[in-house]
N, C-alpha and C. Protein backbone atom coordinates (compact mmCIF):
# COMPACT_ATOMS: atom_id res chain seq x y z
N MET A 1 49.48 38.01 24.03
CA MET A 1 48.67 37.39 24.82
C MET A 1 47.67 37.95 24.38
N TYR A 2 46.59 36.93 23.82
CA TYR A 2 44.98 37.18 23.65
C TYR A 2 44.46 38.07 24.62
N ASN A 3 43.24 38.96 24.15
CA ASN A 3 42.36 39.06 24.38
C ASN A 3 40.96 39.54 24.18
N SER A 4 40.19 39.34 24.62
CA SER A 4 39.00 38.47 25.08
C SER A 4 38.40 40.32 23.82
N ALA A 5 38.48 41.20 24.58
CA ALA A 5 38.09 42.70 24.63
C ALA A 5 38.58 43.00 22.69
N THR A 6 39.39 42.93 22.61
CA THR A 6 39.77 42.93 21.07
C THR A 6 39.51 42.57 20.00
N ALA A 7 39.39 41.19 20.72
CA ALA A 7 39.11 40.60 19.09
C ALA A 7 37.67 40.36 19.13
N PRO A 8 36.95 40.28 17.12
CA PRO A 8 35.95 40.57 17.13
C PRO A 8 35.69 39.70 16.86
N SER A 9 33.84 39.54 17.36
CA SER A 9 32.69 38.69 18.04
C SER A 9 32.74 38.41 16.10
N ILE A 10 32.33 36.94 16.33
CA ILE A 10 31.94 36.64 15.80
C ILE A 10 30.21 36.22 15.87
N PRO A 11 29.04 36.55 14.61
CA PRO A 11 27.96 36.37 15.23
C PRO A 11 27.12 35.18 15.24
N PRO A 12 26.09 34.73 15.91
CA PRO A 12 25.61 33.67 15.70
C PRO A 12 25.02 33.29 14.27
N PRO A 13 24.84 31.95 14.69
CA PRO A 13 24.33 31.76 12.52
C PRO A 13 22.70 32.01 13.05
N PRO A 14 22.42 32.17 11.26
CA PRO A 14 21.18 33.09 11.70
C PRO A 14 19.62 30.84 12.10
N PRO A 15 18.83 31.67 12.03
CA PRO A 15 17.83 30.39 12.89
C PRO A 15 17.45 29.47 11.34
N PRO A 16 17.37 28.77 11.83
CA PRO A 16 16.20 27.68 10.24
C PRO A 16 15.29 28.47 10.07
N PRO A 17 15.07 28.10 8.61
CA PRO A 17 13.44 28.74 8.10
C PRO A 17 13.11 28.40 8.81
N PRO A 18 11.80 28.35 9.28
CA PRO A 18 10.05 28.15 9.00
C PRO A 18 9.86 27.40 8.69
N LEU A 19 9.11 26.14 8.97
CA LEU A 19 8.07 24.63 8.72
C LEU A 19 7.51 25.19 8.81
N PRO A 20 6.48 24.89 6.92
CA PRO A 20 5.27 24.95 6.22
C PRO A 20 4.54 24.50 8.18
N ARG A 21 3.43 26.20 7.83
CA ARG A 21 2.65 25.67 9.17
C ARG A 21 0.99 24.39 9.11
N ARG A 22 1.07 23.54 9.19
CA ARG A 22 0.12 23.13 8.95
C ARG A 22 -1.62 23.39 9.85
N THR A 23 -2.53 23.39 9.41
CA THR A 23 -4.20 23.86 9.74
C THR A 23 -4.49 22.46 10.69
N THR A 24 -4.29 21.15 10.61
CA THR A 24 -4.88 20.54 11.11
C THR A 24 -3.84 19.49 11.04
N THR A 25 -4.11 18.49 12.70
CA THR A 25 -2.67 17.79 12.81
C THR A 25 -4.34 16.26 11.82
N ASP A 26 -4.61 16.50 10.67
CA ASP A 26 -5.02 15.68 10.22
C ASP A 26 -4.14 14.83 9.18
N SER A 27 -3.10 16.54 8.52
CA SER A 27 -1.98 16.18 7.19
C SER A 27 -0.80 15.49 7.80
N ILE A 28 -1.40 15.23 9.44
CA ILE A 28 0.86 15.07 9.43
C ILE A 28 0.23 13.63 9.56
N ASP A 29 1.26 13.09 8.14
CA ASP A 29 1.27 11.52 8.70
C ASP A 29 2.24 10.98 9.19
N PRO A 30 2.55 10.03 10.86
CA PRO A 30 3.31 9.46 11.68
C PRO A 30 4.21 8.46 10.74
N ARG A 31 4.62 8.21 9.87
CA ARG A 31 5.29 7.43 9.29
C ARG A 31 5.69 8.16 8.22
N ARG A 32 5.31 9.23 8.32
CA ARG A 32 6.61 10.39 6.73
C ARG A 32 7.20 11.24 7.60
N VAL A 33 6.75 12.11 8.44
CA VAL A 33 7.59 12.97 8.71
C VAL A 33 7.74 12.49 10.33
N PRO A 34 8.83 13.33 10.87
CA PRO A 34 9.74 12.47 11.81
C PRO A 34 9.48 13.14 12.88
N PHE A 35 8.48 12.81 14.15
CA PHE A 35 8.40 13.84 15.21
C PHE A 35 9.24 14.92 15.89
N ALA A 36 10.37 14.83 15.21
CA ALA A 36 11.69 16.28 16.06
C ALA A 36 11.31 16.63 14.14
N GLU A 37 10.65 16.98 13.97
CA GLU A 37 10.67 17.60 12.28
C GLU A 37 9.33 18.41 12.74
N ASN A 38 8.36 17.75 12.86
CA ASN A 38 7.60 18.43 13.39
C ASN A 38 7.04 19.95 13.70
N SER A 39 6.85 20.81 13.37
CA SER A 39 7.06 22.08 14.04
C SER A 39 5.05 22.30 15.10
N GLN A 40 4.56 21.18 15.14
CA GLN A 40 3.73 21.49 15.91
C GLN A 40 3.72 20.30 16.72
N ALA A 41 4.76 20.36 17.14
CA ALA A 41 5.03 18.31 18.13
C ALA A 41 4.69 18.73 19.57
N SER A 42 5.16 20.10 19.75
CA SER A 42 4.83 20.42 21.10
C SER A 42 3.15 21.25 21.05
N VAL A 43 2.38 21.13 20.34
CA VAL A 43 1.30 21.69 20.16
C VAL A 43 0.17 20.62 20.55
N HIS A 44 0.25 19.93 18.86
CA HIS A 44 -0.51 18.91 17.96
C HIS A 44 0.89 17.45 17.59
N PRO A 45 0.81 16.54 18.62
CA PRO A 45 1.81 15.54 18.27
C PRO A 45 0.60 15.23 17.13
N PRO A 46 1.31 14.16 16.45
CA PRO A 46 0.93 13.13 15.29
C PRO A 46 -0.23 13.00 16.12
N ARG A 47 -1.43 12.16 15.79
CA ARG A 47 -2.16 11.32 16.09
C ARG A 47 -1.55 9.53 15.81
N ARG A 48 -1.91 9.12 16.52
CA ARG A 48 -1.52 7.05 16.63
C ARG A 48 -2.07 6.03 15.34
N VAL A 49 -1.77 5.19 14.87
CA VAL A 49 -2.23 5.23 13.60
C VAL A 49 -2.31 3.17 14.42
N PHE A 50 -3.14 3.19 14.09
CA PHE A 50 -3.84 2.09 14.56
C PHE A 50 -3.98 1.04 13.57
N PRO A 51 -3.42 -0.76 13.11
CA PRO A 51 -3.54 -1.15 12.25
C PRO A 51 -5.19 -2.05 12.89
N ALA A 52 -5.40 -1.24 10.81
CA ALA A 52 -6.67 -1.78 11.08
C ALA A 52 -7.61 -3.88 10.52
N LYS A 53 -8.26 -4.84 11.52
CA LYS A 53 -8.43 -5.65 10.98
C LYS A 53 -8.87 -6.13 9.54
N TRP A 54 -8.45 -7.37 8.64
CA TRP A 54 -8.81 -7.69 7.78
C TRP A 54 -10.22 -7.94 7.77
N SER A 55 -11.21 -7.63 6.91
CA SER A 55 -12.61 -7.34 6.42
C SER A 55 -13.18 -9.00 6.48
N THR A 56 -12.36 -9.71 5.92
CA THR A 56 -12.76 -11.32 6.26
C THR A 56 -11.26 -12.21 7.04
N GLY A 57 -12.10 -13.39 7.94
CA GLY A 57 -10.88 -14.29 7.51
C GLY A 57 -9.35 -15.24 6.62
N LEU A 58 -8.93 -15.79 7.48
CA LEU A 58 -7.84 -16.22 5.88
C LEU A 58 -8.51 -17.20 5.95
N LEU A 59 -9.38 -18.57 6.60
CA LEU A 59 -9.99 -19.51 6.34
C LEU A 59 -11.14 -19.30 5.17
N CYS A 60 -11.75 -18.16 5.14
CA CYS A 60 -13.25 -17.75 4.48
C CYS A 60 -13.14 -17.89 3.09
N CYS A 61 -12.43 -18.56 3.07
CA CYS A 61 -12.38 -19.24 1.39
C CYS A 61 -13.23 -18.68 0.68
N LEU A 62 -14.69 -20.44 1.22
CA LEU A 62 -15.35 -20.09 0.90
C LEU A 62 -16.41 -18.89 1.02
N ASP A 63 -15.96 -18.22 1.09
CA ASP A 63 -17.25 -16.55 0.99
C ASP A 63 -17.36 -16.44 -0.01
N ASP A 64 -16.54 -16.12 -1.34
CA ASP A 64 -16.03 -16.88 -2.70
C ASP A 64 -16.02 -17.16 -3.40
N ILE A 65 -17.16 -18.16 -4.03
CA ILE A 65 -16.81 -19.93 -3.76
C ILE A 65 -16.08 -19.41 -5.76
N GLY A 66 -16.14 -18.56 -6.49
CA GLY A 66 -15.65 -18.51 -7.07
C GLY A 66 -14.47 -18.71 -7.77
N ASN A 67 -13.85 -16.90 -6.43
CA ASN A 67 -12.44 -16.45 -6.23
C ASN A 67 -11.81 -18.41 -5.64
N CYS A 68 -12.29 -19.21 -4.73
CA CYS A 68 -11.80 -19.77 -4.52
C CYS A 68 -10.99 -20.92 -5.49
N CYS A 69 -12.13 -20.99 -6.32
CA CYS A 69 -11.93 -22.69 -7.40
C CYS A 69 -10.98 -21.77 -8.71
N LEU A 70 -10.99 -20.27 -8.84
CA LEU A 70 -9.58 -20.27 -9.02
C LEU A 70 -8.95 -19.78 -9.08
N THR A 71 -8.30 -19.74 -8.11
CA THR A 71 -7.28 -19.50 -7.30
C THR A 71 -6.72 -21.03 -6.98
N CYS A 72 -7.21 -21.63 -6.44
CA CYS A 72 -6.89 -23.84 -6.90
C CYS A 72 -6.36 -23.60 -7.51
N LEU A 73 -7.07 -23.66 -8.76
CA LEU A 73 -6.80 -23.90 -10.12
C LEU A 73 -5.54 -23.20 -10.50
N CYS A 74 -6.10 -22.04 -10.31
CA CYS A 74 -4.77 -21.32 -11.31
C CYS A 74 -3.82 -20.11 -10.74
N PRO A 75 -3.41 -20.25 -9.76
CA PRO A 75 -3.22 -19.17 -8.29
C PRO A 75 -2.65 -17.67 -8.94
N CYS A 76 -2.11 -18.52 -10.41
CA CYS A 76 -1.20 -17.25 -10.45
C CYS A 76 -2.50 -15.80 -11.26
N ILE A 77 -3.47 -16.25 -11.55
CA ILE A 77 -4.42 -15.45 -12.37
C ILE A 77 -5.40 -14.49 -10.56
N THR A 78 -5.06 -15.04 -10.11
CA THR A 78 -5.17 -14.07 -8.65
C THR A 78 -4.72 -12.96 -8.37
N PHE A 79 -2.89 -13.76 -8.51
CA PHE A 79 -2.42 -13.19 -7.41
C PHE A 79 -1.76 -12.00 -8.79
N GLY A 80 -2.19 -12.66 -9.91
CA GLY A 80 -1.17 -11.46 -10.77
C GLY A 80 -2.39 -10.23 -11.14
N ARG A 81 -4.04 -10.51 -10.18
CA ARG A 81 -4.82 -9.55 -10.58
C ARG A 81 -4.98 -9.14 -9.64
N ILE A 82 -4.57 -9.69 -7.80
CA ILE A 82 -4.30 -8.64 -6.78
C ILE A 82 -2.53 -7.23 -6.76
N ALA A 83 -1.77 -8.62 -7.55
CA ALA A 83 -0.66 -7.45 -8.09
C ALA A 83 -0.81 -5.92 -8.86
N GLU A 84 -1.67 -6.27 -9.53
CA GLU A 84 -1.62 -5.08 -11.12
C GLU A 84 -2.51 -4.23 -10.18
N VAL A 85 -3.31 -3.90 -9.15
CA VAL A 85 -4.24 -3.34 -8.56
C VAL A 85 -3.30 -2.39 -7.04
N VAL A 86 -2.56 -3.50 -6.86
CA VAL A 86 -1.61 -2.81 -4.95
C VAL A 86 0.17 -2.74 -6.38
N ASP A 87 0.10 -2.68 -7.07
CA ASP A 87 1.58 -2.56 -8.05
C ASP A 87 0.53 -0.60 -8.61
N GLY A 88 -0.75 -0.54 -8.67
CA GLY A 88 -0.86 1.47 -9.54
C GLY A 88 -1.26 0.79 -10.50
N GLY A 89 -0.94 -0.47 -11.02
CA GLY A 89 -0.87 -0.70 -12.41
C GLY A 89 0.14 -0.38 -13.19
N THR A 90 1.94 0.01 -12.66
CA THR A 90 3.08 -0.51 -12.96
C THR A 90 3.34 -1.33 -13.39
N THR A 91 3.28 -2.99 -13.21
CA THR A 91 2.66 -3.88 -13.82
C THR A 91 1.62 -4.38 -13.84
N THR A 92 1.01 -5.30 -15.22
CA THR A 92 0.08 -5.72 -16.07
C THR A 92 -0.57 -7.57 -15.07
N CYS A 93 -1.86 -7.72 -15.15
CA CYS A 93 -2.03 -8.96 -14.46
C CYS A 93 -1.39 -9.90 -15.14
N CYS A 94 -0.65 -9.87 -16.52
CA CYS A 94 -0.17 -10.86 -17.22
C CYS A 94 1.17 -11.09 -16.59
N ALA A 95 2.19 -10.20 -16.64
CA ALA A 95 3.20 -9.53 -16.51
C ALA A 95 3.53 -10.26 -15.17
N SER A 96 3.05 -10.09 -14.02
CA SER A 96 2.99 -10.38 -12.96
C SER A 96 2.37 -11.99 -12.66
N GLY A 97 1.27 -12.40 -13.03
CA GLY A 97 0.56 -13.79 -13.01
C GLY A 97 2.14 -15.23 -13.26
N SER A 98 2.75 -14.79 -14.67
CA SER A 98 3.74 -14.98 -15.71
C SER A 98 4.98 -15.42 -14.47
N LEU A 99 5.29 -14.62 -13.81
CA LEU A 99 6.46 -14.28 -13.32
C LEU A 99 6.18 -15.02 -11.71
N TYR A 100 5.23 -15.27 -11.19
CA TYR A 100 4.52 -15.97 -10.61
C TYR A 100 4.47 -17.40 -10.85
N ALA A 101 4.28 -17.58 -11.92
CA ALA A 101 3.43 -19.35 -12.31
C ALA A 101 5.45 -19.48 -12.87
N LEU A 102 5.93 -19.04 -13.50
CA LEU A 102 7.46 -18.93 -13.62
C LEU A 102 7.98 -19.20 -12.84
N ILE A 103 8.16 -19.09 -11.17
CA ILE A 103 8.70 -18.81 -9.76
C ILE A 103 8.17 -20.27 -8.99
N MET A 104 6.90 -20.55 -9.59
CA MET A 104 6.38 -21.86 -8.89
C MET A 104 6.60 -23.07 -9.99
N CYS A 105 7.11 -22.97 -11.03
CA CYS A 105 7.12 -23.75 -11.55
C CYS A 105 9.05 -23.88 -11.72
N LEU A 106 10.01 -22.87 -11.48
CA LEU A 106 11.20 -23.33 -10.95
C LEU A 106 11.64 -23.74 -9.64
N THR A 107 11.28 -22.86 -8.99
CA THR A 107 11.59 -23.41 -7.76
C THR A 107 10.58 -23.68 -6.58
N GLY A 108 9.71 -23.50 -6.75
CA GLY A 108 8.07 -23.93 -6.47
C GLY A 108 8.52 -23.23 -4.92
N CYS A 109 8.81 -21.74 -4.95
CA CYS A 109 8.92 -20.75 -3.64
C CYS A 109 7.52 -19.77 -4.29
N SER A 110 7.43 -19.62 -5.07
CA SER A 110 6.35 -18.98 -4.97
C SER A 110 5.50 -17.60 -4.00
N CYS A 111 5.84 -18.88 -2.67
CA CYS A 111 5.42 -17.75 -1.78
C CYS A 111 6.17 -16.79 -1.17
N LEU A 112 7.17 -16.94 -1.66
CA LEU A 112 8.16 -16.00 -1.24
C LEU A 112 8.34 -15.19 -1.39
N TYR A 113 7.37 -14.71 -2.99
CA TYR A 113 7.48 -13.38 -3.91
C TYR A 113 5.71 -13.47 -3.65
N SER A 114 4.68 -13.92 -3.28
CA SER A 114 3.38 -12.99 -3.31
C SER A 114 3.88 -12.31 -1.33
N CYS A 115 4.55 -12.92 -0.97
CA CYS A 115 4.48 -12.50 0.19
C CYS A 115 4.68 -10.96 -0.30
N PHE A 116 5.15 -11.05 -0.19
CA PHE A 116 5.77 -9.77 -0.43
C PHE A 116 4.34 -8.93 -0.67
N TYR A 117 3.93 -9.33 -1.46
CA TYR A 117 2.80 -8.09 -2.25
C TYR A 117 1.48 -7.94 -1.10
N ARG A 118 1.61 -8.96 0.12
CA ARG A 118 0.61 -9.40 1.13
C ARG A 118 1.27 -7.74 1.97
N SER A 119 2.62 -8.49 2.33
CA SER A 119 2.93 -7.05 3.55
C SER A 119 2.78 -5.27 2.47
N LYS A 120 2.78 -5.75 0.76
CA LYS A 120 2.77 -4.08 0.15
C LYS A 120 0.92 -3.86 0.51
N LEU A 121 0.26 -4.51 0.01
CA LEU A 121 -1.34 -3.95 0.21
C LEU A 121 -1.33 -4.20 1.52
N ARG A 122 -0.70 -4.45 2.96
CA ARG A 122 -1.34 -3.58 3.80
C ARG A 122 -1.07 -2.93 4.29
N GLY A 123 0.22 -2.25 4.34
CA GLY A 123 0.68 -1.22 4.12
C GLY A 123 -0.11 -0.35 3.40
N GLN A 124 -0.61 0.01 2.39
CA GLN A 124 -1.12 0.88 1.38
C GLN A 124 -2.79 0.97 2.24
N HIS A 125 -3.32 -0.18 2.79
CA HIS A 125 -4.54 -0.30 3.81
C HIS A 125 -4.10 0.15 5.06
N LEU A 126 -3.08 -0.25 5.59
CA LEU A 126 -3.18 -0.03 7.35
C LEU A 126 -3.51 -1.49 8.27
N LEU A 127 -3.73 -2.59 7.23
CA LEU A 127 -3.92 -3.51 8.15
C LEU A 127 -2.82 -4.83 9.09
N GLU A 128 -3.47 -5.05 9.85
CA GLU A 128 -2.50 -5.77 10.68
C GLU A 128 -2.33 -6.55 9.96
N GLU A 129 -1.08 -7.09 10.42
CA GLU A 129 -0.37 -8.42 9.77
C GLU A 129 -0.76 -9.85 10.94
N SER A 130 -1.78 -10.31 10.55
CA SER A 130 -2.66 -11.85 10.88
C SER A 130 -3.07 -12.42 10.06
N PRO A 131 -3.23 -14.05 10.75
CA PRO A 131 -3.03 -13.91 12.11
C PRO A 131 -1.14 -14.38 12.35
N CYS A 132 -0.49 -13.79 11.42
CA CYS A 132 0.77 -14.73 11.69
C CYS A 132 1.65 -13.43 10.93
N SER A 133 3.23 -13.55 10.71
CA SER A 133 3.88 -13.03 9.51
C SER A 133 3.32 -12.63 7.90
N ASP A 134 3.58 -12.48 6.93
CA ASP A 134 3.02 -12.20 6.33
C ASP A 134 3.20 -14.03 5.84
N CYS A 135 4.95 -14.05 5.77
CA CYS A 135 5.31 -14.80 4.98
C CYS A 135 6.05 -16.18 5.43
N LEU A 136 4.96 -16.24 7.04
CA LEU A 136 4.59 -17.72 7.50
C LEU A 136 3.31 -17.98 6.78
N VAL A 137 2.34 -16.96 6.22
CA VAL A 137 0.61 -17.32 5.74
C VAL A 137 1.03 -17.42 4.78
N HIS A 138 2.09 -16.75 3.66
CA HIS A 138 2.35 -17.70 2.12
C HIS A 138 2.76 -18.89 2.11
N CYS A 139 3.42 -18.96 3.71
CA CYS A 139 4.42 -20.43 2.86
C CYS A 139 3.85 -21.85 3.56
N CYS A 140 2.44 -21.09 4.45
CA CYS A 140 1.50 -22.44 4.86
C CYS A 140 0.33 -22.15 4.13
N CYS A 141 -0.26 -21.05 3.87
CA CYS A 141 -1.27 -21.32 3.58
C CYS A 141 -1.28 -20.13 1.92
N GLU A 142 -0.63 -20.79 1.00
CA GLU A 142 -1.06 -19.65 0.47
C GLU A 142 -2.32 -20.04 -0.47
N SER A 143 -2.67 -19.87 -1.31
CA SER A 143 -4.18 -20.14 -1.94
C SER A 143 -5.26 -19.48 -0.60
N CYS A 144 -4.96 -19.73 0.61
CA CYS A 144 -5.99 -19.59 1.46
C CYS A 144 -5.64 -17.75 1.46
N ALA A 145 -4.34 -16.72 1.71
CA ALA A 145 -3.90 -16.31 1.76
C ALA A 145 -4.19 -14.98 0.46
N LEU A 146 -4.28 -16.03 -0.53
CA LEU A 146 -4.51 -14.97 -1.50
C LEU A 146 -6.11 -14.40 -1.68
N CYS A 147 -6.31 -15.49 -1.50
CA CYS A 147 -7.92 -15.40 -1.18
C CYS A 147 -9.05 -14.31 -0.59
N GLN A 148 -7.47 -14.16 0.39
CA GLN A 148 -7.78 -12.88 1.76
C GLN A 148 -7.69 -12.23 0.68
N GLU A 149 -6.25 -11.85 0.05
CA GLU A 149 -6.01 -11.12 -0.48
C GLU A 149 -7.36 -9.54 -1.21
N TYR A 150 -7.87 -10.97 -2.17
CA TYR A 150 -8.68 -10.79 -3.43
C TYR A 150 -9.81 -10.32 -2.85
N ARG A 151 -11.34 -11.13 -1.68
CA ARG A 151 -11.38 -10.13 -1.02
C ARG A 151 -11.41 -9.02 -0.02
N GLU A 152 -10.18 -8.49 0.33
CA GLU A 152 -10.19 -7.31 0.64
C GLU A 152 -9.98 -6.05 0.02
N LEU A 153 -9.73 -6.94 -1.41
CA LEU A 153 -9.52 -5.31 -2.52
C LEU A 153 -10.57 -5.36 -2.91
N LYS A 154 -11.95 -6.50 -2.66
CA LYS A 154 -13.19 -6.24 -3.13
C LYS A 154 -14.07 -5.61 -2.63
N ASN A 155 -14.14 -6.71 -0.83
CA ASN A 155 -14.75 -5.78 0.36
C ASN A 155 -13.99 -3.82 0.50
N ARG A 156 -12.95 -3.19 -0.01
CA ARG A 156 -12.85 -2.42 -0.70
C ARG A 156 -13.21 -1.41 -1.31
N GLY A 157 -14.30 -2.43 -1.73
CA GLY A 157 -14.67 -1.46 -3.66
C GLY A 157 -13.76 -1.13 -5.21
N ILE A 158 -12.69 -2.33 -4.83
CA ILE A 158 -11.85 -2.49 -6.21
C ILE A 158 -12.77 -4.28 -6.63
N ASN A 159 -12.11 -3.53 -7.33
CA ASN A 159 -12.90 -5.71 -8.87
C ASN A 159 -11.70 -5.15 -9.17
N PRO A 160 -10.55 -6.86 -8.55
CA PRO A 160 -9.25 -7.18 -9.06
C PRO A 160 -9.89 -7.07 -10.73
N LYS A 161 -10.69 -8.26 -10.80
CA LYS A 161 -11.16 -8.67 -11.95
C LYS A 161 -11.02 -7.06 -13.21
N LEU A 162 -10.98 -6.27 -12.60
CA LEU A 162 -11.19 -5.09 -13.70
C LEU A 162 -9.53 -4.33 -13.67
N GLY A 163 -8.98 -4.93 -13.15
CA GLY A 163 -7.60 -4.32 -12.62
C GLY A 163 -7.43 -2.56 -12.12
N TRP A 164 -6.27 -2.14 -12.65
CA TRP A 164 -5.99 -0.32 -12.26
C TRP A 164 -6.99 -0.44 -13.38
N LYS A 165 -7.56 -0.98 -14.79
CA LYS A 165 -8.67 -0.09 -15.17
C LYS A 165 -9.10 1.07 -15.15
N GLN A 166 -10.16 0.37 -13.82
CA GLN A 166 -11.18 0.59 -12.77
C GLN A 166 -11.07 2.43 -12.13
N GLN A 167 -9.74 2.30 -11.80
CA GLN A 167 -9.25 3.15 -11.18
C GLN A 167 -8.79 4.70 -11.85
N ARG A 168 -8.49 4.30 -13.02
CA ARG A 168 -8.64 5.90 -13.85
C ARG A 168 -9.71 6.14 -14.52
N VAL A 169 -10.76 5.41 -14.59
CA VAL A 169 -11.76 5.87 -14.82
C VAL A 169 -12.31 6.85 -13.99
N TRP A 170 -12.01 7.32 -12.76
CA TRP A 170 -12.65 7.95 -11.84
C TRP A 170 -12.09 9.32 -12.62
N TYR A 171 -10.99 9.32 -13.33
CA TYR A 171 -10.30 10.14 -13.78
C TYR A 171 -9.80 11.29 -15.08
N MET A 172 -11.05 10.04 -15.95
CA MET A 172 -11.54 10.63 -17.55
C MET A 172 -12.44 11.25 -17.74
N ALA A 173 -11.67 12.63 -18.28
CA ALA A 173 -12.45 14.22 -19.11
C ALA A 173 -13.93 13.65 -19.46
N PRO A 174 -14.69 14.10 -18.89
CA PRO A 174 -16.34 13.36 -19.48
C PRO A 174 -16.07 13.97 -20.94
N VAL A 175 -17.03 13.09 -21.56
CA VAL A 175 -17.07 13.23 -23.25
C VAL A 175 -17.93 14.44 -23.81
N VAL A 176 -17.28 15.37 -24.39
CA VAL A 176 -18.33 15.75 -25.44
C VAL A 176 -18.55 15.63 -26.99
N GLU A 177 -20.49 15.75 -26.89
CA GLU A 177 -20.34 15.05 -28.86
C GLU A 177 -19.81 16.40 -29.82
N ALA A 178 -19.82 16.11 -30.71
CA ALA A 178 -19.55 16.83 -31.33
C ALA A 178 -20.90 18.30 -31.63
N ASN A 179 -21.39 17.68 -31.95
CA ASN A 179 -22.20 18.44 -32.79
C ASN A 179 -22.62 19.56 -31.40
N MET A 180 -22.42 19.55 -29.84
CA MET A 180 -22.98 20.13 -29.11
C MET A 180 -23.07 21.75 -29.29
N THR A 181 -24.03 22.21 -28.91
CA THR A 181 -24.30 23.32 -28.88
C THR A 181 -24.63 24.15 -27.97
N ARG A 182 -25.17 25.58 -27.59
CA ARG A 182 -25.15 26.78 -26.08
C ARG A 182 -26.81 26.73 -26.04
């Protein structure tokens, strides 16, 4: 017969290691840290992030006449510039624009390719999905959608004409002349 008094006791498992303590709730990103894993969930719940509005409307193409004309004549250039900035320089304007043109010529469905970048842009800048879904915006009004995305980048201080090169300028070390002395 089994006697519980003589059986060896099994120690309880050790507690899990503590999560790193955060100093402010600003450092908690509710999209990346699940609520249950947050060590301060009961004290400081993560802030809810609401999507921002686009800086210009979908049909405000004439706000930037130069880009509007370029997009109507050759949307692959506008798309390539947007894609290079959104991808953080991993793809070039030429590569993205060429792929866009190839898809447009072969299938006529370049809107499906470009709606992916609209979604990516919205995610990076926390923009709302308006006036309707990204795919519907690009399928119904491709040129207007590309113009709106281009204007959004410009209004956020990014010049898509310069591509990703402008981002790297901030991180370059200062130039020191060879003949400088103390």
